[in-house]
Every structure is written in C-alpha cells, then in structure tokens.
C-alpha cells in the first residue's frame, strides 16, 4: 500500500478511504498487505483528480463507477456493431 500511495502521490489513508467507499477492493498478499492492480491505481488516480477539483469522495466514487460503466457499454456497443454489420457486398445478383 505504501508503494501504491507513493506512486499516486497520495496518503495511505486516502487509499484506505477508497477501499472503505468500495471503489477499490485490493487483493491481499500472504502477509495481509493490500495489493493494487494497474486498473485500481488508475481508478485511484481518477478519484484523486476529482477530489482535488472539489468533488466529495462519495460523489467521486459514483462518477468513476458511471464512467467505467459507460466505457464498458461503449466497448460492447462497438463490438456488437462490428459483429452485426451488414455485409456491404451483397454477392451475386439474383435473377
């Protein structure tokens, strides 16, 4: 946790607050230390950005969750559009 906090330029207490707010659920090492994925570090950095702009912690968490859901919906939409795109070549003409 100390290394993650150092990378992000935040306190360990800040990371614990994101854990308490259920924005992050870090894994645990065998020794019980919190282990953050790169994805979780990106979420924490985004939370820090929003909070630095004056957004309350709970609101920042909700915004991040919505942003993440929107990105996933856009990804799925693009995938479905690609998969279900009508073939531009109709093939041989029926006669």
PDB file of N, CA and C in Angstrom:
ATOM      1  N   UNK A   1       0.820  -1.185   0.000  1.00  0.00           N
ATOM      2  CA  UNK A   1       0.000   0.000   0.000  1.00  0.00           C
ATOM      3  C   UNK A   1       0.868   1.255   0.000  1.00  0.00           C
ATOM      4  N   UNK A   2       1.952   1.216   0.723  1.00  0.00           N
ATOM      5  CA  UNK A   2       2.847   2.366   0.777  1.00  0.00           C
ATOM      6  C   UNK A   2       3.398   2.715  -0.591  1.00  0.00           C
ATOM      7  N   UNK A   3       3.774   1.703  -1.356  1.00  0.00           N
ATOM      8  CA  UNK A   3       4.324   1.933  -2.693  1.00  0.00           C
ATOM      9  C   UNK A   3       3.250   2.503  -3.615  1.00  0.00           C
ATOM     10  N   UNK A   4       2.039   1.968  -3.541  1.00  0.00           N
ATOM     11  CA  UNK A   4       0.933   2.476  -4.369  1.00  0.00           C
ATOM     12  C   UNK A   4       0.653   3.941  -4.030  1.00  0.00           C
ATOM     13  N   UNK A   5       0.635   4.262  -2.751  1.00  0.00           N
ATOM     14  CA  UNK A   5       0.394   5.640  -2.321  1.00  0.00           C
ATOM     15  C   UNK A   5       1.506   6.555  -2.843  1.00  0.00           C
ATOM     16  N   UNK A   6       2.727   6.074  -2.796  1.00  0.00           N
ATOM     17  CA  UNK A   6       3.866   6.860  -3.276  1.00  0.00           C
ATOM     18  C   UNK A   6       3.757   7.100  -4.782  1.00  0.00           C
ATOM     19  N   UNK A   7       3.416   6.073  -5.531  1.00  0.00           N
ATOM     20  CA  UNK A   7       3.267   6.194  -6.990  1.00  0.00           C
ATOM     21  C   UNK A   7       2.226   7.253  -7.340  1.00  0.00           C
ATOM     22  N   UNK A   8       1.114   7.247  -6.603  1.00  0.00           N
ATOM     23  CA  UNK A   8      -0.006   8.148  -6.889  1.00  0.00           C
ATOM     24  C   UNK A   8       0.152   9.525  -6.248  1.00  0.00           C
ATOM     25  N   UNK A   9       1.073   9.644  -5.316  1.00  0.00           N
ATOM     26  CA  UNK A   9       1.228  10.909  -4.607  1.00  0.00           C
ATOM     27  C   UNK A   9       0.097  11.177  -3.638  1.00  0.00           C
ATOM     28  N   UNK A  10      -0.402  10.106  -3.019  1.00  0.00           N
ATOM     29  CA  UNK A  10      -1.489  10.217  -2.043  1.00  0.00           C
ATOM     30  C   UNK A  10      -1.041   9.572  -0.739  1.00  0.00           C
ATOM     31  N   UNK A  11      -1.856   9.725   0.270  1.00  0.00           N
ATOM     32  CA  UNK A  11      -1.556   9.077   1.548  1.00  0.00           C
ATOM     33  C   UNK A  11      -2.154   7.671   1.560  1.00  0.00           C
ATOM     34  N   UNK A  12      -1.648   6.859   2.451  1.00  0.00           N
ATOM     35  CA  UNK A  12      -2.224   5.528   2.630  1.00  0.00           C
ATOM     36  C   UNK A  12      -3.658   5.639   3.130  1.00  0.00           C
ATOM     37  N   UNK A  13      -3.920   6.660   3.918  1.00  0.00           N
ATOM     38  CA  UNK A  13      -5.284   6.879   4.422  1.00  0.00           C
ATOM     39  C   UNK A  13      -6.249   7.136   3.264  1.00  0.00           C
ATOM     40  N   UNK A  14      -5.781   7.839   2.236  1.00  0.00           N
ATOM     41  CA  UNK A  14      -6.623   8.091   1.058  1.00  0.00           C
ATOM     42  C   UNK A  14      -6.989   6.765   0.387  1.00  0.00           C
ATOM     43  N   UNK A  15      -6.012   5.893   0.202  1.00  0.00           N
ATOM     44  CA  UNK A  15      -6.287   4.589  -0.406  1.00  0.00           C
ATOM     45  C   UNK A  15      -7.237   3.767   0.463  1.00  0.00           C
ATOM     46  N   UNK A  16      -7.060   3.825   1.778  1.00  0.00           N
ATOM     47  CA  UNK A  16      -7.981   3.111   2.669  1.00  0.00           C
ATOM     48  C   UNK A  16      -9.399   3.665   2.546  1.00  0.00           C
ATOM     49  N   UNK A  17      -9.508   4.997   2.343  1.00  0.00           N
ATOM     50  CA  UNK A  17     -10.844   5.596   2.205  1.00  0.00           C
ATOM     51  C   UNK A  17     -11.523   5.116   0.925  1.00  0.00           C
ATOM     52  N   UNK A  18     -10.752   4.901  -0.148  1.00  0.00           N
ATOM     53  CA  UNK A  18     -11.331   4.373  -1.384  1.00  0.00           C
ATOM     54  C   UNK A  18     -11.760   2.926  -1.194  1.00  0.00           C
ATOM     55  N   UNK A  19     -11.014   2.199  -0.386  1.00  0.00           N
ATOM     56  CA  UNK A  19     -11.366   0.820  -0.049  1.00  0.00           C
ATOM     57  C   UNK A  19     -12.664   0.820   0.780  1.00  0.00           C
ATOM     58  N   UNK A  20     -12.744   1.705   1.762  1.00  0.00           N
ATOM     59  CA  UNK A  20     -13.935   1.794   2.617  1.00  0.00           C
ATOM     60  C   UNK A  20     -15.162   2.217   1.808  1.00  0.00           C
ATOM     61  N   UNK A  21     -14.944   3.058   0.780  1.00  0.00           N
ATOM     62  CA  UNK A  21     -16.044   3.515  -0.075  1.00  0.00           C
ATOM     63  C   UNK A  21     -16.417   2.462  -1.116  1.00  0.00           C
ATOM     64  N   UNK A  22     -15.687   1.355  -1.122  1.00  0.00           N
ATOM     65  CA  UNK A  22     -15.915   0.222  -2.028  1.00  0.00           C
ATOM     66  C   UNK A  22     -15.614   0.549  -3.485  1.00  0.00           C
ATOM     67  N   UNK A  23     -14.791   1.589  -3.722  1.00  0.00           N
ATOM     68  CA  UNK A  23     -14.353   1.860  -5.086  1.00  0.00           C
ATOM     69  C   UNK A  23     -13.262   0.873  -5.473  1.00  0.00           C
ATOM     70  N   UNK A  24     -12.395   0.565  -4.533  1.00  0.00           N
ATOM     71  CA  UNK A  24     -11.306  -0.381  -4.755  1.00  0.00           C
ATOM     72  C   UNK A  24     -11.461  -1.558  -3.816  1.00  0.00           C
ATOM     73  N   UNK A  25     -11.162  -2.731  -4.318  1.00  0.00           N
ATOM     74  CA  UNK A  25     -11.091  -3.919  -3.473  1.00  0.00           C
ATOM     75  C   UNK A  25      -9.757  -4.589  -3.791  1.00  0.00           C
ATOM     76  N   UNK A  26      -8.712  -4.118  -3.130  1.00  0.00           N
ATOM     77  CA  UNK A  26      -7.383  -4.656  -3.444  1.00  0.00           C
ATOM     78  C   UNK A  26      -7.244  -6.108  -3.002  1.00  0.00           C
ATOM     79  N   UNK A  27      -6.398  -6.816  -3.728  1.00  0.00           N
ATOM     80  CA  UNK A  27      -6.066  -8.169  -3.303  1.00  0.00           C
ATOM     81  C   UNK A  27      -5.192  -8.095  -2.067  1.00  0.00           C
ATOM     82  N   UNK A  28      -4.874  -9.223  -1.513  1.00  0.00           N
ATOM     83  CA  UNK A  28      -4.023  -9.270  -0.320  1.00  0.00           C
ATOM     84  C   UNK A  28      -2.870 -10.225  -0.561  1.00  0.00           C
ATOM     85  N   UNK A  29      -1.706  -9.816  -0.074  1.00  0.00           N
ATOM     86  CA  UNK A  29      -0.545 -10.699  -0.122  1.00  0.00           C
ATOM     87  C   UNK A  29      -0.677 -11.724   0.995  1.00  0.00           C
ATOM     88  N   UNK A  30       0.202 -12.711   1.001  1.00  0.00           N
ATOM     89  CA  UNK A  30       0.169 -13.711   2.073  1.00  0.00           C
ATOM     90  C   UNK A  30       0.355 -13.064   3.435  1.00  0.00           C
ATOM     91  N   UNK A  31       1.081 -11.961   3.460  1.00  0.00           N
ATOM     92  CA  UNK A  31       1.299 -11.239   4.716  1.00  0.00           C
ATOM     93  C   UNK A  31       0.164 -10.300   5.073  1.00  0.00           C
ATOM     94  N   UNK A  32      -0.874 -10.229   4.218  1.00  0.00           N
ATOM     95  CA  UNK A  32      -2.030  -9.383   4.516  1.00  0.00           C
ATOM     96  C   UNK A  32      -1.931  -7.972   3.968  1.00  0.00           C
ATOM     97  N   UNK A  33      -0.892  -7.671   3.206  1.00  0.00           N
ATOM     98  CA  UNK A  33      -0.733  -6.328   2.640  1.00  0.00           C
ATOM     99  C   UNK A  33      -1.645  -6.156   1.434  1.00  0.00           C
ATOM    100  N   UNK A  34      -2.178  -4.960   1.292  1.00  0.00           N
ATOM    101  CA  UNK A  34      -3.035  -4.664   0.140  1.00  0.00           C
ATOM    102  C   UNK A  34      -2.197  -4.664  -1.131  1.00  0.00           C
ATOM    103  N   UNK A  35      -2.739  -5.256  -2.190  1.00  0.00           N
ATOM    104  CA  UNK A  35      -2.067  -5.306  -3.497  1.00  0.00           C
ATOM    105  C   UNK A  35      -3.018  -4.709  -4.535  1.00  0.00           C
ATOM    106  N   UNK A  36      -2.600  -3.637  -5.193  1.00  0.00           N
ATOM    107  CA  UNK A  36      -3.442  -2.935  -6.159  1.00  0.00           C
ATOM    108  C   UNK A  36      -3.042  -3.289  -7.589  1.00  0.00           C
ATOM    109  N   UNK A  37      -4.035  -3.497  -8.429  1.00  0.00           N
ATOM    110  CA  UNK A  37      -3.773  -3.732  -9.853  1.00  0.00           C
ATOM    111  C   UNK A  37      -3.552  -2.378 -10.537  1.00  0.00           C
ATOM    112  N   UNK A  38      -3.046  -2.418 -11.755  1.00  0.00           N
ATOM    113  CA  UNK A  38      -2.869  -1.176 -12.524  1.00  0.00           C
ATOM    114  C   UNK A  38      -4.213  -0.490 -12.734  1.00  0.00           C
ATOM    115  N   UNK A  39      -5.227  -1.288 -12.995  1.00  0.00           N
ATOM    116  CA  UNK A  39      -6.577  -0.747 -13.173  1.00  0.00           C
ATOM    117  C   UNK A  39      -7.028  -0.010 -11.908  1.00  0.00           C
ATOM    118  N   UNK A  40      -6.820  -0.615 -10.750  1.00  0.00           N
ATOM    119  CA  UNK A  40      -7.212   0.023  -9.488  1.00  0.00           C
ATOM    120  C   UNK A  40      -6.412   1.298  -9.247  1.00  0.00           C
ATOM    121  N   UNK A  41      -5.154   1.298  -9.641  1.00  0.00           N
ATOM    122  CA  UNK A  41      -4.346   2.510  -9.499  1.00  0.00           C
ATOM    123  C   UNK A  41      -4.886   3.620 -10.409  1.00  0.00           C
ATOM    124  N   UNK A  42      -5.352   3.259 -11.604  1.00  0.00           N
ATOM    125  CA  UNK A  42      -5.955   4.270 -12.489  1.00  0.00           C
ATOM    126  C   UNK A  42      -7.220   4.839 -11.861  1.00  0.00           C
ATOM    127  N   UNK A  43      -8.040   3.969 -11.248  1.00  0.00           N
ATOM    128  CA  UNK A  43      -9.254   4.450 -10.572  1.00  0.00           C
ATOM    129  C   UNK A  43      -8.899   5.382  -9.415  1.00  0.00           C
ATOM    130  N   UNK A  44      -7.898   5.010  -8.658  1.00  0.00           N
ATOM    131  CA  UNK A  44      -7.469   5.845  -7.526  1.00  0.00           C
ATOM    132  C   UNK A  44      -6.951   7.195  -8.007  1.00  0.00           C
ATOM    133  N   UNK A  45      -6.209   7.196  -9.114  1.00  0.00           N
ATOM    134  CA  UNK A  45      -5.697   8.452  -9.670  1.00  0.00           C
ATOM    135  C   UNK A  45      -6.855   9.334 -10.129  1.00  0.00           C
ATOM    136  N   UNK A  46      -7.870   8.730 -10.741  1.00  0.00           N
ATOM    137  CA  UNK A  46      -9.051   9.485 -11.182  1.00  0.00           C
ATOM    138  C   UNK A  46      -9.800  10.040  -9.979  1.00  0.00           C
ATOM    139  N   UNK A  47      -9.911   9.265  -8.915  1.00  0.00           N
ATOM    140  CA  UNK A  47     -10.563   9.741  -7.685  1.00  0.00           C
ATOM    141  C   UNK A  47      -9.804  10.941  -7.128  1.00  0.00           C
ATOM    142  N   UNK A  48      -8.505  10.833  -7.101  1.00  0.00           N
ATOM    143  CA  UNK A  48      -7.681  11.949  -6.599  1.00  0.00           C
ATOM    144  C   UNK A  48      -7.920  13.198  -7.433  1.00  0.00           C
ATOM    145  N   UNK A  49      -7.979  13.031  -8.745  1.00  0.00           N
ATOM    146  CA  UNK A  49      -8.210  14.163  -9.650  1.00  0.00           C
ATOM    147  C   UNK A  49      -9.550  14.835  -9.342  1.00  0.00           C
ATOM    148  N   UNK A  50     -10.604  14.036  -9.208  1.00  0.00           N
ATOM    149  CA  UNK A  50     -11.927  14.587  -8.928  1.00  0.00           C
ATOM    150  C   UNK A  50     -11.981  15.265  -7.563  1.00  0.00           C
ATOM    151  N   UNK A  51     -11.390  14.642  -6.578  1.00  0.00           N
ATOM    152  CA  UNK A  51     -11.401  15.208  -5.222  1.00  0.00           C
ATOM    153  C   UNK A  51     -10.600  16.498  -5.184  1.00  0.00           C
ATOM    154  N   UNK A  52      -9.486  16.535  -5.904  1.00  0.00           N
ATOM    155  CA  UNK A  52      -8.693  17.764  -5.978  1.00  0.00           C
ATOM    156  C   UNK A  52      -9.472  18.902  -6.629  1.00  0.00           C
ATOM    157  N   UNK A  53     -10.456  18.552  -7.472  1.00  0.00           N
ATOM    158  CA  UNK A  53     -11.296  19.558  -8.128  1.00  0.00           C
ATOM    159  C   UNK A  53     -12.474  19.973  -7.245  1.00  0.00           C
ATOM    160  N   UNK A  54     -12.565  19.381  -6.052  1.00  0.00           N
ATOM    161  CA  UNK A  54     -13.615  19.764  -5.115  1.00  0.00           C
ATOM    162  C   UNK A  54     -14.792  18.808  -5.029  1.00  0.00           C
ATOM    163  N   UNK A  55     -14.710  17.670  -5.694  1.00  0.00           N
ATOM    164  CA  UNK A  55     -15.789  16.689  -5.641  1.00  0.00           C
ATOM    165  C   UNK A  55     -15.687  15.891  -4.346  1.00  0.00           C
ATOM    166  N   UNK A  56     -16.808  15.671  -3.700  1.00  0.00           N
ATOM    167  CA  UNK A  56     -16.832  14.872  -2.469  1.00  0.00           C
ATOM    168  C   UNK A  56     -16.451  13.429  -2.798  1.00  0.00           C
ATOM    169  N   UNK A  57     -15.863  12.725  -1.834  1.00  0.00           N
ATOM    170  CA  UNK A  57     -15.402  11.353  -2.040  1.00  0.00           C
ATOM    171  C   UNK A  57     -16.502  10.443  -2.555  1.00  0.00           C
ATOM    172  N   UNK A  58     -17.678  10.448  -1.910  1.00  0.00           N
ATOM    173  CA  UNK A  58     -18.749   9.553  -2.354  1.00  0.00           C
ATOM    174  C   UNK A  58     -19.210   9.896  -3.761  1.00  0.00           C
ATOM    175  N   UNK A  59     -19.268  11.171  -4.091  1.00  0.00           N
ATOM    176  CA  UNK A  59     -19.653  11.585  -5.439  1.00  0.00           C
ATOM    177  C   UNK A  59     -18.585  11.186  -6.453  1.00  0.00           C
ATOM    178  N   UNK A  60     -17.328  11.354  -6.097  1.00  0.00           N
ATOM    179  CA  UNK A  60     -16.227  10.967  -6.984  1.00  0.00           C
ATOM    180  C   UNK A  60     -16.300   9.469  -7.290  1.00  0.00           C
ATOM    181  N   UNK A  61     -16.584   8.681  -6.283  1.00  0.00           N
ATOM    182  CA  UNK A  61     -16.689   7.231  -6.487  1.00  0.00           C
ATOM    183  C   UNK A  61     -17.818   6.902  -7.438  1.00  0.00           C
ATOM    184  N   UNK A  62     -18.967   7.566  -7.272  1.00  0.00           N
ATOM    185  CA  UNK A  62     -20.094   7.316  -8.165  1.00  0.00           C
ATOM    186  C   UNK A  62     -19.764   7.728  -9.597  1.00  0.00           C
ATOM    187  N   UNK A  63     -19.112   8.871  -9.754  1.00  0.00           N
ATOM    188  CA  UNK A  63     -18.723   9.341 -11.088  1.00  0.00           C
ATOM    189  C   UNK A  63     -17.811   8.322 -11.758  1.00  0.00           C
ATOM    190  N   UNK A  64     -16.834   7.835 -11.025  1.00  0.00           N
ATOM    191  CA  UNK A  64     -15.879   6.875 -11.576  1.00  0.00           C
ATOM    192  C   UNK A  64     -16.577   5.582 -11.975  1.00  0.00           C
ATOM    193  N   UNK A  65     -17.489   5.117 -11.169  1.00  0.00           N
ATOM    194  CA  UNK A  65     -18.237   3.900 -11.484  1.00  0.00           C
ATOM    195  C   UNK A  65     -19.057   4.115 -12.759  1.00  0.00           C
ATOM    196  N   UNK A  66     -19.723   5.274 -12.863  1.00  0.00           N
ATOM    197  CA  UNK A  66     -20.506   5.566 -14.064  1.00  0.00           C
ATOM    198  C   UNK A  66     -19.606   5.684 -15.299  1.00  0.00           C
ATOM    199  N   UNK A  67     -18.461   6.333 -15.153  1.00  0.00           N
ATOM    200  CA  UNK A  67     -17.529   6.438 -16.276  1.00  0.00           C
ATOM    201  C   UNK A  67     -17.074   5.057 -16.736  1.00  0.00           C
ATOM    202  N   UNK A  68     -16.800   4.199 -15.778  1.00  0.00           N
ATOM    203  CA  UNK A  68     -16.358   2.843 -16.088  1.00  0.00           C
ATOM    204  C   UNK A  68     -17.471   2.056 -16.787  1.00  0.00           C
ATOM    205  N   UNK A  69     -18.701   2.189 -16.293  1.00  0.00           N
ATOM    206  CA  UNK A  69     -19.837   1.502 -16.915  1.00  0.00           C
ATOM    207  C   UNK A  69     -20.070   2.021 -18.337  1.00  0.00           C
ATOM    208  N   UNK A  70     -19.937   3.330 -18.526  1.00  0.00           N
ATOM    209  CA  UNK A  70     -20.124   3.913 -19.853  1.00  0.00           C
ATOM    210  C   UNK A  70     -19.052   3.410 -20.818  1.00  0.00           C
ATOM    211  N   UNK A  71     -17.818   3.360 -20.378  1.00  0.00           N
ATOM    212  CA  UNK A  71     -16.735   2.856 -21.227  1.00  0.00           C
ATOM    213  C   UNK A  71     -16.999   1.401 -21.617  1.00  0.00           C
ATOM    214  N   UNK A  72     -17.454   0.601 -20.675  1.00  0.00           N
ATOM    215  CA  UNK A  72     -17.752  -0.807 -20.962  1.00  0.00           C
ATOM    216  C   UNK A  72     -18.929  -0.920 -21.935  1.00  0.00           C
ATOM    217  N   UNK A  73     -19.959  -0.107 -21.751  1.00  0.00           N
ATOM    218  CA  UNK A  73     -21.109  -0.133 -22.656  1.00  0.00           C
ATOM    219  C   UNK A  73     -20.688   0.272 -24.064  1.00  0.00           C
ATOM    220  N   UNK A  74     -19.825   1.273 -24.172  1.00  0.00           N
ATOM    221  CA  UNK A  74     -19.333   1.696 -25.491  1.00  0.00           C
ATOM    222  C   UNK A  74     -18.510   0.593 -26.142  1.00  0.00           C
ATOM    223  N   UNK A  75     -17.703  -0.096 -25.350  1.00  0.00           N
ATOM    224  CA  UNK A  75     -16.890  -1.190 -25.878  1.00  0.00           C
ATOM    225  C   UNK A  75     -17.797  -2.301 -26.420  1.00  0.00           C
ATOM    226  N   UNK A  76     -18.814  -2.659 -25.640  1.00  0.00           N
ATOM    227  CA  UNK A  76     -19.745  -3.706 -26.054  1.00  0.00           C
ATOM    228  C   UNK A  76     -20.509  -3.264 -27.303  1.00  0.00           C
ATOM    229  N   UNK A  77     -20.945  -2.017 -27.333  1.00  0.00           N
ATOM    230  CA  UNK A  77     -21.681  -1.485 -28.482  1.00  0.00           C
ATOM    231  C   UNK A  77     -20.821  -1.557 -29.744  1.00  0.00           C
ATOM    232  N   UNK A  78     -19.573  -1.139 -29.653  1.00  0.00           N
ATOM    233  CA  UNK A  78     -18.674  -1.192 -30.810  1.00  0.00           C
ATOM    234  C   UNK A  78     -18.465  -2.626 -31.270  1.00  0.00           C
ATOM    235  N   UNK A  79     -18.317  -3.527 -30.317  1.00  0.00           N
ATOM    236  CA  UNK A  79     -18.139  -4.941 -30.645  1.00  0.00           C
ATOM    237  C   UNK A  79     -19.373  -5.494 -31.353  1.00  0.00           C
ATOM    238  N   UNK A  80     -20.547  -5.154 -30.847  1.00  0.00           N
ATOM    239  CA  UNK A  80     -21.786  -5.637 -31.462  1.00  0.00           C
ATOM    240  C   UNK A  80     -21.993  -5.035 -32.851  1.00  0.00           C
ATOM    241  N   UNK A  81     -21.658  -3.761 -33.007  1.00  0.00           N
ATOM    242  CA  UNK A  81     -21.790  -3.136 -34.319  1.00  0.00           C
ATOM    243  C   UNK A  81     -20.853  -3.798 -35.313  1.00  0.00           C
ATOM    244  N   UNK A  82     -19.659  -4.124 -34.881  1.00  0.00           N
ATOM    245  CA  UNK A  82     -18.697  -4.785 -35.755  1.00  0.00           C
ATOM    246  C   UNK A  82     -19.179  -6.187 -36.120  1.00  0.00           C
ATOM    247  N   UNK A  83     -19.702  -6.911 -35.160  1.00  0.00           N
ATOM    248  CA  UNK A  83     -20.157  -8.282 -35.363  1.00  0.00           C
ATOM    249  C   UNK A  83     -21.401  -8.345 -36.240  1.00  0.00           C
ATOM    250  N   UNK A  84     -22.309  -7.403 -36.077  1.00  0.00           N
ATOM    251  CA  UNK A  84     -23.598  -7.455 -36.769  1.00  0.00           C
ATOM    252  C   UNK A  84     -23.675  -6.498 -37.953  1.00  0.00           C
ATOM    253  N   UNK A  85     -22.539  -5.998 -38.385  1.00  0.00           N
ATOM    254  CA  UNK A  85     -22.523  -5.064 -39.508  1.00  0.00           C
ATOM    255  C   UNK A  85     -22.983  -5.810 -40.766  1.00  0.00           C
ATOM    256  N   UNK A  86     -23.960  -5.246 -41.479  1.00  0.00           N
ATOM    257  CA  UNK A  86     -24.405  -5.897 -42.716  1.00  0.00           C
ATOM    258  C   UNK A  86     -23.258  -5.951 -43.717  1.00  0.00           C
ATOM    259  N   UNK A  87     -23.208  -7.016 -44.430  1.00  0.00           N
ATOM    260  CA  UNK A  87     -22.164  -7.216 -45.427  1.00  0.00           C
ATOM    261  C   UNK A  87     -22.401  -6.215 -46.559  1.00  0.00           C
ATOM    262  N   UNK A  88     -21.391  -5.417 -46.876  1.00  0.00           N
ATOM    263  CA  UNK A  88     -21.550  -4.410 -47.932  1.00  0.00           C
ATOM    264  C   UNK A  88     -21.521  -5.032 -49.311  1.00  0.00           C
ATOM    265  N   UNK A  89     -21.075  -6.275 -49.432  1.00  0.00           N
ATOM    266  CA  UNK A  89     -21.042  -6.972 -50.709  1.00  0.00           C
ATOM    267  C   UNK A  89     -22.202  -7.959 -50.752  1.00  0.00           C
ATOM    268  N   UNK A  90     -23.302  -7.621 -51.458  1.00  0.00           N
ATOM    269  CA  UNK A  90     -24.485  -8.485 -51.446  1.00  0.00           C
ATOM    270  C   UNK A  90     -24.292  -9.794 -52.186  1.00  0.00           C
ATOM    271  N   UNK A  91     -23.192  -9.962 -52.870  1.00  0.00           N
ATOM    272  CA  UNK A  91     -22.959 -11.216 -53.576  1.00  0.00           C
ATOM    273  C   UNK A  91     -23.572 -11.187 -54.967  1.00  0.00           C
ATOM    274  N   UNK A  92     -23.681 -12.349 -55.578  1.00  0.00           N
ATOM    275  CA  UNK A  92     -24.228 -12.398 -56.944  1.00  0.00           C
ATOM    276  C   UNK A  92     -25.691 -11.962 -56.969  1.00  0.00           C
ATOM    277  N   UNK A  93     -26.047 -11.271 -58.051  1.00  0.00           N
ATOM    278  CA  UNK A  93     -27.420 -10.793 -58.193  1.00  0.00           C
ATOM    279  C   UNK A  93     -28.347 -11.967 -58.501  1.00  0.00           C
ATOM    280  N   UNK A  94     -29.490 -11.941 -57.857  1.00  0.00           N
ATOM    281  CA  UNK A  94     -30.485 -12.991 -58.100  1.00  0.00           C
ATOM    282  C   UNK A  94     -31.186 -12.692 -59.411  1.00  0.00           C
ATOM    283  N   UNK A  95     -31.538 -13.684 -60.120  1.00  0.00           N
ATOM    284  CA  UNK A  95     -32.103 -13.408 -61.427  1.00  0.00           C
ATOM    285  C   UNK A  95     -33.224 -14.180 -61.746  1.00  0.00           C
TER     286      UNK A  95
END
